Amino acid sequence: MGRILLIEDHAHLASLICKGLAAAGIAADVVERGEAAWNAIAQVPYQALVLDRGLPDGDGLLLLQRLRQANLVIPCLILTARDALHDRVEGLDAGADDYLPKPFAMSELVARVRALLRRPSASQPLRPAHVDLILSPDAGTMQCGDESITLAPAELQIMLALVRRQGEVVRRSAMEAAGWGLSEAVTPNALDVALHRLRRKLAAIGSRLQIVNLRGQGYALQESDVVQ
């Protein structure tokens, strides 16, 4: 369904949350500090954030404020042990989309994350599109005209990274991070295999878009004058 970033320094809780999300088909990368989260967001096109307020390098709201000031409107759910009204108001004022006090039921957290993933934003529309191509993250499909094809989870995340850049270059490392996250070990040729499959799938649905390798820079979607 999507990939999110969990910013939580409590290892056991982070593990439980990741397992609960994975059971619902939601992949999550985990970082423990706000600065690590900032760097991860620069590499991976996350669909949502789950952010703990109490981080080793400061209040999680400082990270959220930094993201909003940079016009990054990734939907964000705040987790906190603080449940006073003024704390919730403070979180929402900082740019949070939802707020869940600890302790919480895992089913409720999963439901709230699902709701965030269904919510379009100015920078991440519900169905990202470029030229003749439309992606449907919920369905895991790629469509051109009346033709559509199913994408594997890693393929979907790679295509999301490319489509959201609207023809601009995406670095190889960013493509790998998008497809498999920051925590999974990626074999040296995993991206090449995924790109080969995606090129065949683009041709199969008749898209004019091609994934091109710009040597020394990365990859980009470019429009061909010849329909494949």
Protein backbone atom coordinates (compact mmCIF):
# COMPACT_ATOMS: atom_id res chain seq x y z
CA MET A 1 0.00 0.00 0.00
CA GLY A 2 2.80 2.42 0.79
CA ARG A 3 6.04 3.08 2.65
CA ILE A 4 6.16 5.25 5.74
CA LEU A 5 8.88 6.55 8.03
CA LEU A 6 8.62 5.78 11.75
CA ILE A 7 10.65 8.11 13.99
CA GLU A 8 10.75 6.31 17.34
CA ASP A 9 13.71 5.74 19.67
CA HIS A 10 12.11 2.97 21.73
CA ALA A 11 13.37 -0.14 19.90
CA HIS A 12 10.77 -2.59 21.24
CA LEU A 13 7.84 -0.28 20.49
CA ALA A 14 9.24 0.48 17.03
CA SER A 15 9.48 -3.25 16.32
CA LEU A 16 5.86 -3.83 17.41
CA ILE A 17 4.62 -0.94 15.28
CA CYS A 18 6.51 -2.19 12.22
CA LYS A 19 5.03 -5.67 12.63
CA GLY A 20 1.52 -4.26 12.99
CA LEU A 21 1.93 -2.11 9.90
CA ALA A 22 3.50 -4.94 7.90
CA ALA A 23 0.51 -7.15 8.64
CA ALA A 24 -1.63 -4.43 7.04
CA GLY A 25 0.62 -4.26 3.98
CA ILE A 26 2.41 -1.06 5.01
CA ALA A 27 6.21 -1.03 4.91
CA ALA A 28 8.06 1.14 7.40
CA ASP A 29 11.61 2.38 7.80
CA VAL A 30 12.70 3.26 11.34
CA VAL A 31 15.03 5.98 12.57
CA GLU A 32 15.63 7.08 16.15
CA ARG A 33 16.53 10.75 15.76
CA GLY A 34 15.09 13.81 14.08
CA GLU A 35 18.24 14.51 12.05
CA ALA A 36 18.29 10.94 10.73
CA ALA A 37 14.64 11.35 9.76
CA TRP A 38 15.42 14.56 7.85
CA ASN A 39 18.14 12.75 5.89
CA ALA A 40 15.88 9.75 5.19
CA ILE A 41 13.08 11.96 3.89
CA ALA A 42 15.55 13.54 1.48
CA GLN A 43 16.19 10.09 -0.04
CA VAL A 44 12.84 8.27 0.02
CA PRO A 45 9.40 9.46 -1.16
CA TYR A 46 7.53 8.43 2.00
CA GLN A 47 3.75 8.53 1.91
CA ALA A 48 3.40 9.32 5.63
CA LEU A 49 5.31 9.84 8.87
CA VAL A 50 4.69 8.43 12.35
CA LEU A 51 6.60 10.72 14.69
CA ASP A 52 7.33 10.34 18.40
CA ARG A 53 7.65 13.66 20.23
CA GLY A 54 10.25 12.48 22.72
CA LEU A 55 13.39 11.95 20.63
CA PRO A 56 17.02 11.82 21.84
CA ASP A 57 17.90 14.96 19.87
CA GLY A 58 14.85 17.01 20.84
CA ASP A 59 11.10 17.39 20.54
CA GLY A 60 9.74 15.71 17.41
CA LEU A 61 7.70 18.84 16.75
CA LEU A 62 10.91 20.65 15.82
CA LEU A 63 11.41 18.19 12.97
CA LEU A 64 7.81 18.62 11.87
CA GLN A 65 8.11 22.39 11.91
CA ARG A 66 11.31 22.14 9.85
CA LEU A 67 9.53 19.95 7.28
CA ARG A 68 6.56 22.31 7.01
CA GLN A 69 8.85 25.33 6.65
CA ALA A 70 10.49 23.50 3.73
CA ASN A 71 7.00 23.01 2.20
CA LEU A 72 7.14 19.24 2.71
CA VAL A 73 3.55 18.32 3.41
CA ILE A 74 3.94 14.58 4.03
CA PRO A 75 0.99 13.50 6.23
CA CYS A 76 2.15 13.07 9.82
CA LEU A 77 0.80 11.21 12.84
CA ILE A 78 2.25 12.32 16.18
CA LEU A 79 2.82 9.74 18.94
CA THR A 80 3.32 11.01 22.46
CA ALA A 81 2.98 10.12 26.12
CA ARG A 82 1.52 13.59 26.62
CA ASP A 83 -2.25 13.62 26.41
CA ALA A 84 -3.13 17.08 27.73
CA LEU A 85 -5.30 19.22 25.47
CA HIS A 86 -2.65 21.92 25.06
CA ASP A 87 -0.13 19.26 23.91
CA ARG A 88 -2.52 18.04 21.20
CA VAL A 89 -3.22 21.60 20.10
CA GLU A 90 0.52 22.32 20.00
CA GLY A 91 1.10 19.29 17.79
CA LEU A 92 -1.68 20.16 15.36
CA ASP A 93 -0.52 23.78 15.20
CA ALA A 94 2.96 22.55 14.29
CA GLY A 95 1.52 20.84 11.21
CA ALA A 96 0.53 17.37 12.40
CA ASP A 97 -2.39 15.70 10.63
CA ASP A 98 -3.31 13.40 13.51
CA TYR A 99 -2.35 12.80 17.14
CA LEU A 100 -2.31 9.52 19.10
CA PRO A 101 -1.39 9.42 22.81
CA LYS A 102 0.41 6.43 24.34
CA PRO A 103 -0.54 3.79 25.23
CA PHE A 104 -2.62 2.95 22.15
CA ALA A 105 -4.19 -0.08 20.48
CA MET A 106 -2.20 -1.25 17.48
CA SER A 107 -5.41 -1.61 15.46
CA GLU A 108 -6.14 2.09 16.01
CA LEU A 109 -2.65 3.16 14.95
CA VAL A 110 -2.89 1.05 11.77
CA ALA A 111 -6.32 2.51 10.98
CA ARG A 112 -5.05 6.05 11.42
CA VAL A 113 -2.01 5.41 9.24
CA ARG A 114 -4.26 3.91 6.56
CA ALA A 115 -6.36 7.08 6.69
CA LEU A 116 -3.26 9.23 6.21
CA LEU A 117 -2.17 7.14 3.23
CA ARG A 118 -5.56 7.68 1.60
CA ARG A 119 -5.29 11.43 2.02
CA PRO A 120 -4.00 13.32 -1.04
CA SER A 121 -1.81 16.37 -0.58
CA ALA A 122 -0.54 19.19 -2.74
CA SER A 123 2.77 17.41 -3.34
CA GLN A 124 1.49 13.83 -3.33
CA PRO A 125 -1.77 13.41 -5.22
CA LEU A 126 -3.83 10.29 -4.63
CA ARG A 127 -2.99 9.03 -8.15
CA PRO A 128 0.36 10.47 -9.25
CA ALA A 129 0.56 11.02 -13.01
CA HIS A 130 3.09 12.06 -15.63
CA VAL A 131 2.50 12.43 -19.40
CA ASP A 132 0.31 9.38 -20.27
CA LEU A 133 0.98 7.39 -17.11
CA ILE A 134 -1.14 7.14 -13.96
CA LEU A 135 -0.14 5.27 -10.81
CA SER A 136 -2.68 3.87 -8.34
CA PRO A 137 -0.75 3.15 -5.11
CA ASP A 138 -3.72 1.57 -3.32
CA ALA A 139 -4.30 -0.91 -6.15
CA GLY A 140 -0.60 -1.30 -6.92
CA THR A 141 -1.13 -0.66 -10.63
CA MET A 142 0.24 1.46 -13.46
CA GLN A 143 -2.13 2.66 -16.18
CA CYS A 144 -1.83 4.14 -19.67
CA GLY A 145 -5.13 4.85 -21.39
CA ASP A 146 -7.31 1.76 -21.04
CA GLU A 147 -4.37 -0.52 -20.31
CA SER A 148 -3.13 -1.24 -16.79
CA ILE A 149 -0.62 -3.59 -15.22
CA THR A 150 0.16 -4.72 -11.68
CA LEU A 151 3.42 -3.69 -10.06
CA ALA A 152 5.38 -5.51 -7.39
CA PRO A 153 5.80 -3.45 -4.18
CA ALA A 154 9.39 -2.41 -4.97
CA GLU A 155 8.43 -1.59 -8.58
CA LEU A 156 5.59 0.62 -7.36
CA GLN A 157 7.85 2.58 -5.01
CA ILE A 158 10.45 3.05 -7.76
CA MET A 159 7.81 4.32 -10.18
CA LEU A 160 6.43 6.66 -7.52
CA ALA A 161 9.90 8.12 -7.07
CA LEU A 162 10.25 8.65 -10.83
CA VAL A 163 6.75 9.99 -11.49
CA ARG A 164 6.86 12.44 -8.61
CA ARG A 165 10.05 13.95 -10.04
CA GLN A 166 8.16 14.65 -13.30
CA GLY A 167 11.04 13.82 -15.62
CA GLU A 168 13.85 15.05 -13.37
CA VAL A 169 16.77 12.81 -12.43
CA VAL A 170 16.54 10.42 -9.47
CA ARG A 171 19.84 9.12 -8.09
CA ARG A 172 20.47 5.39 -8.04
CA SER A 173 20.83 5.37 -4.26
CA ALA A 174 17.49 7.16 -3.94
CA MET A 175 15.86 4.60 -6.25
CA GLU A 176 17.18 1.74 -4.12
CA ALA A 177 16.01 3.45 -0.94
CA ALA A 178 12.57 4.01 -2.47
CA GLY A 179 12.23 0.40 -3.58
CA TRP A 180 13.56 -1.41 -0.55
CA GLY A 181 13.78 1.17 2.22
CA LEU A 182 16.77 2.09 4.33
CA SER A 183 16.84 -1.00 6.52
CA GLU A 184 16.79 -3.81 3.94
CA ALA A 185 19.96 -5.16 2.36
CA VAL A 186 19.78 -4.69 -1.41
CA THR A 187 21.69 -7.01 -3.74
CA PRO A 188 23.91 -5.20 -6.29
CA ASN A 189 21.67 -5.99 -9.27
CA ALA A 190 18.25 -5.74 -7.59
CA LEU A 191 17.55 -2.29 -9.03
CA ASP A 192 18.69 -3.30 -12.52
CA VAL A 193 16.33 -6.28 -12.46
CA ALA A 194 13.42 -4.10 -11.27
CA LEU A 195 14.11 -1.47 -13.94
CA HIS A 196 14.23 -4.16 -16.64
CA ARG A 197 10.80 -5.39 -15.55
CA LEU A 198 9.41 -1.86 -15.39
CA ARG A 199 10.63 -1.06 -18.90
CA ARG A 200 8.85 -4.17 -20.18
CA LYS A 201 5.68 -3.22 -18.32
CA LEU A 202 5.74 0.34 -19.69
CA ALA A 203 6.02 -1.11 -23.19
CA ALA A 204 3.25 -3.63 -22.48
CA ILE A 205 0.70 -0.89 -21.68
CA GLY A 206 1.83 1.30 -24.59
CA SER A 207 3.24 4.22 -22.63
CA ARG A 208 5.34 6.81 -24.43
CA LEU A 209 7.50 7.10 -21.31
CA GLN A 210 10.83 5.35 -21.01
CA ILE A 211 13.15 4.95 -18.04
CA VAL A 212 16.51 6.27 -19.20
CA ASN A 213 19.88 5.94 -17.52
CA LEU A 214 21.76 9.25 -17.46
CA ARG A 215 25.29 8.05 -16.84
CA GLY A 216 26.83 9.47 -13.70
CA GLN A 217 23.56 11.15 -12.67
CA GLY A 218 20.78 8.62 -12.21
CA TYR A 219 17.50 7.73 -13.89
CA ALA A 220 14.59 9.70 -15.29
CA LEU A 221 11.32 9.26 -17.17
CA GLN A 222 11.59 10.64 -20.69
CA GLU A 223 8.95 10.77 -23.37
CA SER A 224 9.60 9.00 -26.64
CA ASP A 225 8.15 10.20 -29.93
CA VAL A 226 7.52 6.58 -30.89
CA VAL A 227 4.75 4.69 -29.10
CA GLN A 228 6.21 1.47 -27.74
